[in-house]
């Protein structure tokens, strides 16, 4: 299996994120569900080149918390 860039794949899957003008994305951690040719299902992950393992773990932990509890932007509460 060879490494592949996934930008166009994510576009084709309809991936969108909510960014404000001036926001600067700096890292990404992507999980992709894959159905293999034999019908088995697996997960693959990818990360931006600069993503270190500590930040990746923090991002996964935060994502799990948001999925389980929802997310409230503190600026929306004001």
C-alpha atoms as a PDB file:
ATOM      1  CA  UNK A   1       0.000   0.000   0.000  1.00  0.00           C
ATOM      2  CA  UNK A   2       1.390   3.372  -0.976  1.00  0.00           C
ATOM      3  CA  UNK A   3       0.916   6.697   0.777  1.00  0.00           C
ATOM      4  CA  UNK A   4      -1.605   8.896  -1.024  1.00  0.00           C
ATOM      5  CA  UNK A   5      -2.552  12.535  -0.718  1.00  0.00           C
ATOM      6  CA  UNK A   6      -6.205  12.733   0.338  1.00  0.00           C
ATOM      7  CA  UNK A   7      -7.261  16.325  -0.326  1.00  0.00           C
ATOM      8  CA  UNK A   8      -9.346  15.489  -3.391  1.00  0.00           C
ATOM      9  CA  UNK A   9     -10.739  12.385  -1.676  1.00  0.00           C
ATOM     10  CA  UNK A  10     -11.923  14.457   1.291  1.00  0.00           C
ATOM     11  CA  UNK A  11     -13.470  16.966  -1.120  1.00  0.00           C
ATOM     12  CA  UNK A  12     -15.278  14.127  -2.930  1.00  0.00           C
ATOM     13  CA  UNK A  13     -16.620  12.855   0.404  1.00  0.00           C
ATOM     14  CA  UNK A  14     -18.052  16.331   1.065  1.00  0.00           C
ATOM     15  CA  UNK A  15     -15.839  17.125   4.054  1.00  0.00           C
ATOM     16  CA  UNK A  16     -16.308  20.679   5.295  1.00  0.00           C
ATOM     17  CA  UNK A  17     -15.125  22.536   8.383  1.00  0.00           C
ATOM     18  CA  UNK A  18     -16.382  25.733   9.976  1.00  0.00           C
ATOM     19  CA  UNK A  19     -13.610  28.331   9.748  1.00  0.00           C
ATOM     20  CA  UNK A  20     -13.861  32.063  10.248  1.00  0.00           C
ATOM     21  CA  UNK A  21     -12.070  34.579   8.061  1.00  0.00           C
ATOM     22  CA  UNK A  22      -8.499  34.866   9.273  1.00  0.00           C
ATOM     23  CA  UNK A  23      -8.422  31.391  10.866  1.00  0.00           C
ATOM     24  CA  UNK A  24      -5.206  29.556  10.046  1.00  0.00           C
ATOM     25  CA  UNK A  25      -5.375  25.743  10.088  1.00  0.00           C
ATOM     26  CA  UNK A  26      -1.998  24.390  11.211  1.00  0.00           C
ATOM     27  CA  UNK A  27      -2.461  20.630  11.705  1.00  0.00           C
ATOM     28  CA  UNK A  28      -4.843  17.883  10.657  1.00  0.00           C
ATOM     29  CA  UNK A  29      -5.537  14.372  11.885  1.00  0.00           C
ATOM     30  CA  UNK A  30      -7.831  12.376   9.611  1.00  0.00           C
ATOM     31  CA  UNK A  31      -9.572   9.029  10.187  1.00  0.00           C
ATOM     32  CA  UNK A  32     -11.035   7.339   7.116  1.00  0.00           C
ATOM     33  CA  UNK A  33     -13.329   4.309   7.045  1.00  0.00           C
ATOM     34  CA  UNK A  34     -12.331   2.087   4.123  1.00  0.00           C
ATOM     35  CA  UNK A  35     -14.223  -0.823   2.574  1.00  0.00           C
ATOM     36  CA  UNK A  36     -11.645  -3.153   1.022  1.00  0.00           C
ATOM     37  CA  UNK A  37     -12.149  -4.989  -2.272  1.00  0.00           C
ATOM     38  CA  UNK A  38     -12.971  -8.184  -0.322  1.00  0.00           C
ATOM     39  CA  UNK A  39     -15.687  -6.367   1.656  1.00  0.00           C
ATOM     40  CA  UNK A  40     -13.795  -6.044   4.928  1.00  0.00           C
ATOM     41  CA  UNK A  41     -13.922  -2.691   6.686  1.00  0.00           C
ATOM     42  CA  UNK A  42     -10.938  -0.952   8.235  1.00  0.00           C
ATOM     43  CA  UNK A  43      -9.802   2.419   9.496  1.00  0.00           C
ATOM     44  CA  UNK A  44      -6.787   4.303   8.224  1.00  0.00           C
ATOM     45  CA  UNK A  45      -5.384   7.492   9.668  1.00  0.00           C
ATOM     46  CA  UNK A  46      -3.346  10.294   8.291  1.00  0.00           C
ATOM     47  CA  UNK A  47      -1.795  13.400   9.737  1.00  0.00           C
ATOM     48  CA  UNK A  48      -0.222  16.587   8.515  1.00  0.00           C
ATOM     49  CA  UNK A  49       3.570  16.518   8.338  1.00  0.00           C
ATOM     50  CA  UNK A  50       4.051  18.798  11.342  1.00  0.00           C
ATOM     51  CA  UNK A  51       1.628  16.961  13.665  1.00  0.00           C
ATOM     52  CA  UNK A  52       3.470  15.502  16.657  1.00  0.00           C
ATOM     53  CA  UNK A  53       2.111  12.577  18.676  1.00  0.00           C
ATOM     54  CA  UNK A  54       1.233  14.671  21.730  1.00  0.00           C
ATOM     55  CA  UNK A  55      -0.906  17.072  19.694  1.00  0.00           C
ATOM     56  CA  UNK A  56      -2.444  14.147  17.773  1.00  0.00           C
ATOM     57  CA  UNK A  57      -3.453  12.486  21.048  1.00  0.00           C
ATOM     58  CA  UNK A  58      -4.885  15.772  22.322  1.00  0.00           C
ATOM     59  CA  UNK A  59      -6.862  16.277  19.116  1.00  0.00           C
ATOM     60  CA  UNK A  60      -8.298  12.748  19.306  1.00  0.00           C
ATOM     61  CA  UNK A  61      -9.201  13.204  22.965  1.00  0.00           C
ATOM     62  CA  UNK A  62     -10.882  16.541  22.225  1.00  0.00           C
ATOM     63  CA  UNK A  63     -12.756  15.049  19.249  1.00  0.00           C
ATOM     64  CA  UNK A  64     -14.039  12.199  21.415  1.00  0.00           C
ATOM     65  CA  UNK A  65     -15.196  14.679  24.075  1.00  0.00           C
ATOM     66  CA  UNK A  66     -16.971  16.811  21.466  1.00  0.00           C
ATOM     67  CA  UNK A  67     -18.657  13.748  19.919  1.00  0.00           C
ATOM     68  CA  UNK A  68     -19.831  12.556  23.337  1.00  0.00           C
ATOM     69  CA  UNK A  69     -20.829  15.918  24.860  1.00  0.00           C
ATOM     70  CA  UNK A  70     -21.255  18.450  22.089  1.00  0.00           C
ATOM     71  CA  UNK A  71     -19.289  21.650  21.682  1.00  0.00           C
ATOM     72  CA  UNK A  72     -20.079  25.151  22.860  1.00  0.00           C
ATOM     73  CA  UNK A  73     -17.903  27.988  21.600  1.00  0.00           C
ATOM     74  CA  UNK A  74     -17.174  30.219  24.589  1.00  0.00           C
ATOM     75  CA  UNK A  75     -17.521  33.308  22.403  1.00  0.00           C
ATOM     76  CA  UNK A  76     -21.136  32.252  21.641  1.00  0.00           C
ATOM     77  CA  UNK A  77     -22.019  32.386  25.349  1.00  0.00           C
ATOM     78  CA  UNK A  78     -21.350  36.118  25.659  1.00  0.00           C
END
